[in-house]
């Protein structure tokens, strides 16, 4: 863990090359997200918006109960860790790639998964990721 000076928040000690790789993936996925939203519009827009905020929703369950700066409330950790596993949104993307008959059928759920994965990738690139049971960065 690394403590930041200005906020007191902690970030994981993930090696810089891995964080750069997450950043490159995040930038690629963001461009692809924007492409899909502009191409399909309609239900893709709320799907992309929901996917973008989904990994951050567990923080709301712990509001007002954060014991220290940089620490997530322990009751919010299991949901936070579940929603920040990159395999789940990737699985959604793969599932809907092969599930729908037409591109319009899969656009919204596929983009939902991709936006979710984009949020996770950006968080990992910035040094934020899964938490310990006590709420600290791993």
Protein backbone atom coordinates (compact mmCIF):
# COMPACT_ATOMS: atom_id res chain seq x y z
CA UNK A 1 0.00 0.00 0.00
CA UNK A 2 1.09 3.53 -0.74
CA UNK A 3 -0.30 6.54 1.14
CA UNK A 4 -1.03 9.65 -0.92
CA UNK A 5 0.02 12.94 0.63
CA UNK A 6 -2.98 15.14 -0.16
CA UNK A 7 -5.93 12.89 0.67
CA UNK A 8 -4.52 10.22 2.95
CA UNK A 9 -6.04 7.58 0.65
CA UNK A 10 -4.16 4.39 0.03
CA UNK A 11 -3.35 2.84 -3.31
CA UNK A 12 -2.16 -0.65 -4.03
CA UNK A 13 1.51 -1.31 -4.59
CA UNK A 14 0.88 -2.81 -8.04
CA UNK A 15 4.01 -2.57 -10.22
CA UNK A 16 4.09 0.35 -12.64
CA UNK A 17 4.24 -1.79 -15.84
CA UNK A 18 1.06 -3.59 -14.80
CA UNK A 19 -0.66 -0.29 -14.02
CA UNK A 20 0.40 1.05 -17.44
CA UNK A 21 -1.05 -2.08 -19.08
CA UNK A 22 -4.34 -1.51 -17.24
CA UNK A 23 -4.25 2.12 -18.44
CA UNK A 24 -3.72 1.14 -22.06
CA UNK A 25 -6.58 -1.36 -21.80
CA UNK A 26 -8.79 1.28 -20.18
CA UNK A 27 -8.08 3.82 -22.94
CA UNK A 28 -8.81 1.23 -25.65
CA UNK A 29 -12.05 0.17 -23.96
CA UNK A 30 -13.14 3.78 -23.49
CA UNK A 31 -12.72 4.47 -27.20
CA UNK A 32 -14.65 1.28 -27.99
CA UNK A 33 -17.38 2.30 -25.50
CA UNK A 34 -17.82 5.66 -27.19
CA UNK A 35 -17.89 4.00 -30.61
CA UNK A 36 -20.62 1.56 -29.51
CA UNK A 37 -22.73 4.28 -27.88
CA UNK A 38 -22.56 6.54 -30.96
CA UNK A 39 -23.20 3.62 -33.31
CA UNK A 40 -26.21 2.10 -31.53
CA UNK A 41 -27.66 4.84 -29.28
CA UNK A 42 -30.99 3.88 -27.61
CA UNK A 43 -30.64 1.43 -24.71
CA UNK A 44 -26.88 1.34 -25.14
CA UNK A 45 -26.58 4.77 -23.47
CA UNK A 46 -28.14 3.81 -20.11
CA UNK A 47 -26.36 0.45 -20.28
CA UNK A 48 -23.02 2.19 -20.68
CA UNK A 49 -23.82 4.65 -17.89
CA UNK A 50 -24.84 1.90 -15.48
CA UNK A 51 -21.77 -0.17 -16.33
CA UNK A 52 -19.54 2.84 -15.68
CA UNK A 53 -20.82 3.42 -12.13
CA UNK A 54 -21.50 -0.17 -11.06
CA UNK A 55 -18.05 -0.85 -9.53
CA UNK A 56 -18.44 2.23 -7.33
CA UNK A 57 -21.91 1.49 -5.93
CA UNK A 58 -20.67 -0.56 -2.93
CA UNK A 59 -19.05 2.58 -1.57
CA UNK A 60 -22.54 3.95 -1.00
CA UNK A 61 -23.36 1.06 1.35
CA UNK A 62 -20.53 2.18 3.59
CA UNK A 63 -21.17 5.93 3.55
CA UNK A 64 -20.83 7.54 6.95
CA UNK A 65 -19.13 4.48 8.41
CA UNK A 66 -15.63 4.90 6.99
CA UNK A 67 -13.35 4.54 10.01
CA UNK A 68 -10.26 6.15 8.45
CA UNK A 69 -9.32 7.95 5.21
CA UNK A 70 -8.56 5.49 2.44
CA UNK A 71 -10.41 2.67 4.13
CA UNK A 72 -13.68 1.24 2.86
CA UNK A 73 -16.26 0.24 5.43
CA UNK A 74 -15.84 -3.50 6.09
CA UNK A 75 -19.51 -4.23 5.39
CA UNK A 76 -19.08 -2.85 1.85
CA UNK A 77 -15.94 -4.89 1.06
CA UNK A 78 -17.51 -8.18 -0.17
CA UNK A 79 -19.74 -6.41 -2.70
CA UNK A 80 -16.92 -4.05 -3.69
CA UNK A 81 -14.57 -6.96 -4.36
CA UNK A 82 -17.23 -8.86 -6.31
CA UNK A 83 -18.07 -5.88 -8.53
CA UNK A 84 -14.39 -5.15 -9.14
CA UNK A 85 -13.49 -8.58 -10.53
CA UNK A 86 -12.61 -8.05 -14.19
CA UNK A 87 -13.69 -11.58 -15.12
CA UNK A 88 -17.41 -10.87 -14.55
CA UNK A 89 -17.85 -8.02 -17.05
CA UNK A 90 -15.54 -9.80 -19.48
CA UNK A 91 -17.78 -12.86 -19.18
CA UNK A 92 -20.84 -10.72 -19.92
CA UNK A 93 -19.14 -9.40 -23.04
CA UNK A 94 -18.25 -12.92 -24.23
CA UNK A 95 -21.71 -14.28 -23.41
CA UNK A 96 -23.57 -11.60 -25.34
CA UNK A 97 -21.15 -11.81 -28.25
CA UNK A 98 -22.32 -15.35 -28.92
CA UNK A 99 -25.90 -15.09 -27.58
CA UNK A 100 -27.64 -12.58 -29.83
CA UNK A 101 -28.75 -13.11 -33.41
CA UNK A 102 -28.31 -9.50 -34.54
CA UNK A 103 -25.91 -6.77 -33.36
CA UNK A 104 -28.85 -4.71 -32.11
CA UNK A 105 -29.84 -7.56 -29.75
CA UNK A 106 -26.53 -7.59 -27.94
CA UNK A 107 -25.40 -3.96 -28.14
CA UNK A 108 -26.81 -2.76 -24.79
CA UNK A 109 -25.72 -5.67 -22.56
CA UNK A 110 -22.37 -5.97 -24.36
CA UNK A 111 -21.68 -2.25 -23.87
CA UNK A 112 -22.83 -2.53 -20.25
CA UNK A 113 -20.17 -5.19 -19.65
CA UNK A 114 -17.56 -3.24 -21.57
CA UNK A 115 -18.24 -0.02 -19.61
CA UNK A 116 -18.04 -1.98 -16.37
CA UNK A 117 -14.67 -3.42 -17.44
CA UNK A 118 -13.51 0.06 -18.49
CA UNK A 119 -14.22 1.42 -15.00
CA UNK A 120 -12.34 -1.46 -13.41
CA UNK A 121 -9.38 -0.96 -15.76
CA UNK A 122 -9.18 2.78 -15.00
CA UNK A 123 -9.33 2.11 -11.26
CA UNK A 124 -6.55 -0.48 -11.50
CA UNK A 125 -4.44 1.86 -13.63
CA UNK A 126 -4.75 4.51 -10.91
CA UNK A 127 -3.71 2.01 -8.25
CA UNK A 128 -7.12 1.17 -6.80
CA UNK A 129 -8.44 -2.35 -6.76
CA UNK A 130 -9.63 -5.09 -4.47
CA UNK A 131 -9.78 -4.57 -0.71
CA UNK A 132 -8.83 -6.59 2.34
CA UNK A 133 -11.66 -7.70 4.69
CA UNK A 134 -10.81 -4.69 6.87
CA UNK A 135 -11.34 -2.30 3.93
CA UNK A 136 -7.73 -1.44 3.02
CA UNK A 137 -6.23 -1.68 -0.47
CA UNK A 138 -4.57 -5.00 -1.25
